[in-house]
C-alpha atoms as a PDB file:
ATOM      1  CA  MET A   1       2.159   6.517 -10.068  1.00  0.00           C
ATOM      2  CA  LYS A   2      -0.883   4.275 -10.333  1.00  0.00           C
ATOM      3  CA  VAL A   3      -2.936   3.912  -7.147  1.00  0.00           C
ATOM      4  CA  LEU A   4      -5.919   1.624  -6.627  1.00  0.00           C
ATOM      5  CA  ILE A   5      -8.242   2.568  -3.769  1.00  0.00           C
ATOM      6  CA  LEU A   6     -10.760  -0.091  -2.788  1.00  0.00           C
ATOM      7  CA  TYR A   7     -13.408   0.070  -0.093  1.00  0.00           C
ATOM      8  CA  ALA A   8     -15.992  -2.011   1.725  1.00  0.00           C
ATOM      9  CA  SER A   9     -18.717   0.034   3.361  1.00  0.00           C
ATOM     10  CA  ILE A  10     -22.160  -0.471   4.843  1.00  0.00           C
ATOM     11  CA  THR A  11     -22.759   2.868   6.546  1.00  0.00           C
ATOM     12  CA  GLY A  12     -20.775   4.966   4.077  1.00  0.00           C
ATOM     13  CA  ASN A  13     -17.941   5.700   6.520  1.00  0.00           C
ATOM     14  CA  ALA A  14     -15.301   3.576   4.763  1.00  0.00           C
ATOM     15  CA  LYS A  15     -16.481   4.798   1.358  1.00  0.00           C
ATOM     16  CA  GLY A  16     -16.141   8.365   2.623  1.00  0.00           C
ATOM     17  CA  MET A  17     -12.555   7.676   3.746  1.00  0.00           C
ATOM     18  CA  ALA A  18     -11.800   6.212   0.317  1.00  0.00           C
ATOM     19  CA  ARG A  19     -13.142   9.340  -1.378  1.00  0.00           C
ATOM     20  CA  PHE A  20     -11.010  11.580   0.845  1.00  0.00           C
ATOM     21  CA  LEU A  21      -7.987   9.479  -0.049  1.00  0.00           C
ATOM     22  CA  VAL A  22      -8.760   9.790  -3.769  1.00  0.00           C
ATOM     23  CA  GLN A  23      -8.637  13.575  -3.367  1.00  0.00           C
ATOM     24  CA  PHE A  24      -5.346  13.487  -1.475  1.00  0.00           C
ATOM     25  CA  PHE A  25      -3.635  11.141  -3.938  1.00  0.00           C
ATOM     26  CA  GLU A  26      -4.908  13.140  -6.916  1.00  0.00           C
ATOM     27  CA  HIS A  27      -3.649  16.336  -5.250  1.00  0.00           C
ATOM     28  CA  TYR A  28      -0.184  14.763  -5.331  1.00  0.00           C
ATOM     29  CA  HIS A  29      -0.647  13.847  -9.035  1.00  0.00           C
ATOM     30  CA  ALA A  30      -1.249  10.128  -8.698  1.00  0.00           C
ATOM     31  CA  GLU A  31      -3.396   8.328 -11.262  1.00  0.00           C
ATOM     32  CA  VAL A  32      -6.197   6.948  -9.068  1.00  0.00           C
ATOM     33  CA  THR A  33      -8.790   4.239  -9.620  1.00  0.00           C
ATOM     34  CA  LEU A  34     -11.593   3.842  -7.057  1.00  0.00           C
ATOM     35  CA  GLY A  35     -13.649   0.679  -6.611  1.00  0.00           C
ATOM     36  CA  GLU A  36     -15.312  -1.764  -4.247  1.00  0.00           C
ATOM     37  CA  MET A  37     -13.379  -4.726  -2.881  1.00  0.00           C
ATOM     38  CA  GLN A  38     -16.181  -7.195  -3.493  1.00  0.00           C
ATOM     39  CA  GLN A  39     -16.354  -6.216  -7.179  1.00  0.00           C
ATOM     40  CA  THR A  40     -12.594  -6.337  -7.789  1.00  0.00           C
ATOM     41  CA  ASP A  41     -10.495  -9.272  -8.887  1.00  0.00           C
ATOM     42  CA  ALA A  42      -7.586  -9.319  -6.424  1.00  0.00           C
ATOM     43  CA  ALA A  43      -5.175 -10.036  -9.297  1.00  0.00           C
ATOM     44  CA  LYS A  44      -5.836  -6.473 -10.558  1.00  0.00           C
ATOM     45  CA  LEU A  45      -3.631  -5.236  -7.701  1.00  0.00           C
ATOM     46  CA  LEU A  46      -0.636  -6.460  -9.715  1.00  0.00           C
ATOM     47  CA  ASP A  47      -1.323  -3.652 -12.232  1.00  0.00           C
ATOM     48  CA  TYR A  48      -0.742  -0.876  -9.680  1.00  0.00           C
ATOM     49  CA  ASP A  49       2.140   0.711  -7.793  1.00  0.00           C
ATOM     50  CA  ALA A  50       0.069   1.103  -4.631  1.00  0.00           C
ATOM     51  CA  VAL A  51      -3.198  -0.169  -3.238  1.00  0.00           C
ATOM     52  CA  ILE A  52      -5.197   1.446  -0.475  1.00  0.00           C
ATOM     53  CA  LEU A  53      -7.912  -0.514   1.286  1.00  0.00           C
ATOM     54  CA  SER A  54     -10.619   1.315   3.198  1.00  0.00           C
ATOM     55  CA  THR A  55     -12.707  -0.992   5.338  1.00  0.00           C
ATOM     56  CA  TYR A  56     -14.852  -1.292   8.389  1.00  0.00           C
ATOM     57  CA  THR A  57     -14.560  -3.953  11.062  1.00  0.00           C
ATOM     58  CA  TRP A  58     -17.492  -6.293  11.423  1.00  0.00           C
ATOM     59  CA  SER A  59     -18.841  -7.179  14.852  1.00  0.00           C
ATOM     60  CA  GLY A  60     -16.559  -9.645  16.562  1.00  0.00           C
ATOM     61  CA  GLY A  61     -13.467  -7.930  15.163  1.00  0.00           C
ATOM     62  CA  THR A  62     -13.554  -9.591  11.741  1.00  0.00           C
ATOM     63  CA  ILE A  63     -13.255  -8.381   8.182  1.00  0.00           C
ATOM     64  CA  PRO A  64     -16.536  -7.561   6.431  1.00  0.00           C
ATOM     65  CA  GLU A  65     -18.334 -10.634   5.130  1.00  0.00           C
ATOM     66  CA  GLU A  66     -18.547  -9.188   1.618  1.00  0.00           C
ATOM     67  CA  THR A  67     -14.733  -8.935   1.452  1.00  0.00           C
ATOM     68  CA  GLN A  68     -14.026 -12.567   2.383  1.00  0.00           C
ATOM     69  CA  ASP A  69     -13.563 -13.787  -1.210  1.00  0.00           C
ATOM     70  CA  PHE A  70     -11.273 -10.845  -2.012  1.00  0.00           C
ATOM     71  CA  TYR A  71      -9.305 -11.506   1.187  1.00  0.00           C
ATOM     72  CA  ASP A  72      -8.954 -15.206   0.370  1.00  0.00           C
ATOM     73  CA  ASP A  73      -7.863 -14.393  -3.196  1.00  0.00           C
ATOM     74  CA  LEU A  74      -5.079 -12.148  -1.832  1.00  0.00           C
ATOM     75  CA  LYS A  75      -3.544 -15.256  -0.246  1.00  0.00           C
ATOM     76  CA  ALA A  76      -2.903 -16.737  -3.702  1.00  0.00           C
ATOM     77  CA  LEU A  77      -0.958 -13.741  -5.039  1.00  0.00           C
ATOM     78  CA  ASP A  78       2.760 -12.989  -4.985  1.00  0.00           C
ATOM     79  CA  PHE A  79       3.571  -9.307  -4.612  1.00  0.00           C
ATOM     80  CA  SER A  80       7.312  -9.848  -4.138  1.00  0.00           C
ATOM     81  CA  LYS A  81       8.173  -9.873  -7.863  1.00  0.00           C
ATOM     82  CA  LYS A  82       6.992  -6.332  -8.579  1.00  0.00           C
ATOM     83  CA  PRO A  83       6.857  -4.109  -5.518  1.00  0.00           C
ATOM     84  CA  LEU A  84       3.337  -3.296  -4.381  1.00  0.00           C
ATOM     85  CA  VAL A  85       2.997  -0.723  -1.643  1.00  0.00           C
ATOM     86  CA  PHE A  86      -0.154  -0.756   0.445  1.00  0.00           C
ATOM     87  CA  GLY A  87      -1.935   1.346   3.007  1.00  0.00           C
ATOM     88  CA  ILE A  88      -5.082   0.653   4.980  1.00  0.00           C
ATOM     89  CA  ALA A  89      -7.736   2.935   6.416  1.00  0.00           C
ATOM     90  CA  GLY A  90     -10.210   1.506   8.901  1.00  0.00           C
ATOM     91  CA  THR A  91     -13.341   2.659  10.592  1.00  0.00           C
ATOM     92  CA  GLY A  92     -14.815   1.027  13.643  1.00  0.00           C
ATOM     93  CA  ASP A  93     -17.071   1.414  16.650  1.00  0.00           C
ATOM     94  CA  LYS A  94     -15.650   1.276  20.173  1.00  0.00           C
ATOM     95  CA  PHE A  95     -19.001  -0.083  21.325  1.00  0.00           C
ATOM     96  CA  TYR A  96     -17.766  -3.581  20.395  1.00  0.00           C
ATOM     97  CA  GLY A  97     -14.857  -3.429  22.840  1.00  0.00           C
ATOM     98  CA  GLN A  98     -11.208  -2.498  22.604  1.00  0.00           C
ATOM     99  CA  ASP A  99     -10.038  -5.974  21.555  1.00  0.00           C
ATOM    100  CA  ARG A 100     -12.458  -5.943  18.602  1.00  0.00           C
ATOM    101  CA  TYR A 101     -12.152  -2.284  17.680  1.00  0.00           C
ATOM    102  CA  ASN A 102     -10.959  -1.550  14.158  1.00  0.00           C
ATOM    103  CA  THR A 103      -9.129  -4.856  13.680  1.00  0.00           C
ATOM    104  CA  ALA A 104      -9.981  -5.472   9.989  1.00  0.00           C
ATOM    105  CA  PRO A 105      -7.060  -3.246   8.875  1.00  0.00           C
ATOM    106  CA  ASP A 106      -4.693  -5.501  10.816  1.00  0.00           C
ATOM    107  CA  HIS A 107      -6.090  -8.620   9.111  1.00  0.00           C
ATOM    108  CA  PHE A 108      -5.675  -7.093   5.653  1.00  0.00           C
ATOM    109  CA  ALA A 109      -2.189  -5.769   6.453  1.00  0.00           C
ATOM    110  CA  ALA A 110      -1.096  -9.215   7.630  1.00  0.00           C
ATOM    111  CA  VAL A 111      -2.225 -11.022   4.470  1.00  0.00           C
ATOM    112  CA  LEU A 112      -0.714  -8.395   2.171  1.00  0.00           C
ATOM    113  CA  THR A 113       2.597  -8.514   4.034  1.00  0.00           C
ATOM    114  CA  GLU A 114       2.620 -12.334   3.965  1.00  0.00           C
ATOM    115  CA  GLN A 115       2.245 -12.179   0.188  1.00  0.00           C
ATOM    116  CA  GLY A 116       5.205  -9.807  -0.232  1.00  0.00           C
ATOM    117  CA  ALA A 117       3.517  -6.412  -0.392  1.00  0.00           C
ATOM    118  CA  ILE A 118       5.205  -3.501   1.379  1.00  0.00           C
ATOM    119  CA  GLN A 119       3.389  -1.420   3.966  1.00  0.00           C
ATOM    120  CA  GLY A 120       3.741   2.240   3.021  1.00  0.00           C
ATOM    121  CA  ALA A 121       2.151   3.875   6.055  1.00  0.00           C
ATOM    122  CA  SER A 122       0.731   3.025   9.431  1.00  0.00           C
ATOM    123  CA  PRO A 123      -3.005   2.344   9.181  1.00  0.00           C
ATOM    124  CA  ILE A 124      -5.436   5.168   9.716  1.00  0.00           C
ATOM    125  CA  LYS A 125      -7.977   3.983  12.269  1.00  0.00           C
ATOM    126  CA  ILE A 126     -10.887   6.227  13.109  1.00  0.00           C
ATOM    127  CA  GLU A 127     -14.141   5.793  14.933  1.00  0.00           C
ATOM    128  CA  GLN A 128     -17.201   6.111  12.733  1.00  0.00           C
ATOM    129  CA  GLY A 129     -16.829   8.705   9.942  1.00  0.00           C
ATOM    130  CA  ALA A 130     -13.896  10.933   9.066  1.00  0.00           C
ATOM    131  CA  THR A 131     -14.036  14.561  10.143  1.00  0.00           C
ATOM    132  CA  GLN A 132     -12.046  17.671   9.318  1.00  0.00           C
ATOM    133  CA  ALA A 133      -9.813  16.872  12.302  1.00  0.00           C
ATOM    134  CA  ASP A 134      -8.717  13.657  10.508  1.00  0.00           C
ATOM    135  CA  MET A 135      -7.477  15.429   7.376  1.00  0.00           C
ATOM    136  CA  PRO A 136      -3.865  15.918   8.568  1.00  0.00           C
ATOM    137  CA  ALA A 137      -3.662  12.156   9.188  1.00  0.00           C
ATOM    138  CA  PHE A 138      -4.993  11.454   5.658  1.00  0.00           C
ATOM    139  CA  ASN A 139      -2.428  13.860   4.209  1.00  0.00           C
ATOM    140  CA  ALA A 140       0.471  12.298   6.142  1.00  0.00           C
ATOM    141  CA  PHE A 141      -0.737   8.809   5.173  1.00  0.00           C
ATOM    142  CA  THR A 142      -0.847   9.768   1.489  1.00  0.00           C
ATOM    143  CA  GLN A 143       2.620  11.307   1.575  1.00  0.00           C
ATOM    144  CA  ALA A 144       4.085   8.259   3.351  1.00  0.00           C
ATOM    145  CA  VAL A 145       2.602   5.816   0.836  1.00  0.00           C
ATOM    146  CA  MET A 146       3.816   7.893  -2.109  1.00  0.00           C
ATOM    147  CA  ALA A 147       7.314   8.211  -0.619  1.00  0.00           C
ATOM    148  CA  LYS A 148       7.479   4.451  -0.105  1.00  0.00           C
ATOM    149  CA  VAL A 149       6.437   3.806  -3.716  1.00  0.00           C
ATOM    150  CA  THR A 150       9.177   6.149  -4.904  1.00  0.00           C
ATOM    151  CA  SER A 151      11.779   4.461  -2.697  1.00  0.00           C
ATOM    152  CA  VAL A 152      11.029   0.924  -3.942  1.00  0.00           C
ATOM    153  CA  GLN A 153      10.783   1.665  -7.663  1.00  0.00           C
END
């Protein structure tokens, strides 16, 4: 199983989540590639069985500015021909208000679903950086994504 994990991170929190997810997927014997969203051609997602996006939410409840081109490029792809399973991990700050808290995962999930990708797990949404207490959620997320990939292949 080929898994692409991409992140967008300013503070290191989303990058940290991506690194945790690499460890979990590798533990379950997936072939994992890690990279940054802004340095990845969205069409590369077509080469994988699953994609995991790890992102933060920018103030105002939007996706990070540096991911806008990647996000827009997703809209031009068709994931319905070869199943692509996705999962999203988000980090946010409740300081910005509940209606703007950790909403970037929802934006990415919507565009991926619209383009025919299949959601493999409910998003992981945490405040700030991941802690040891979040590890069971990362494990369950990983197992759900992998099970979904197996079921659609």
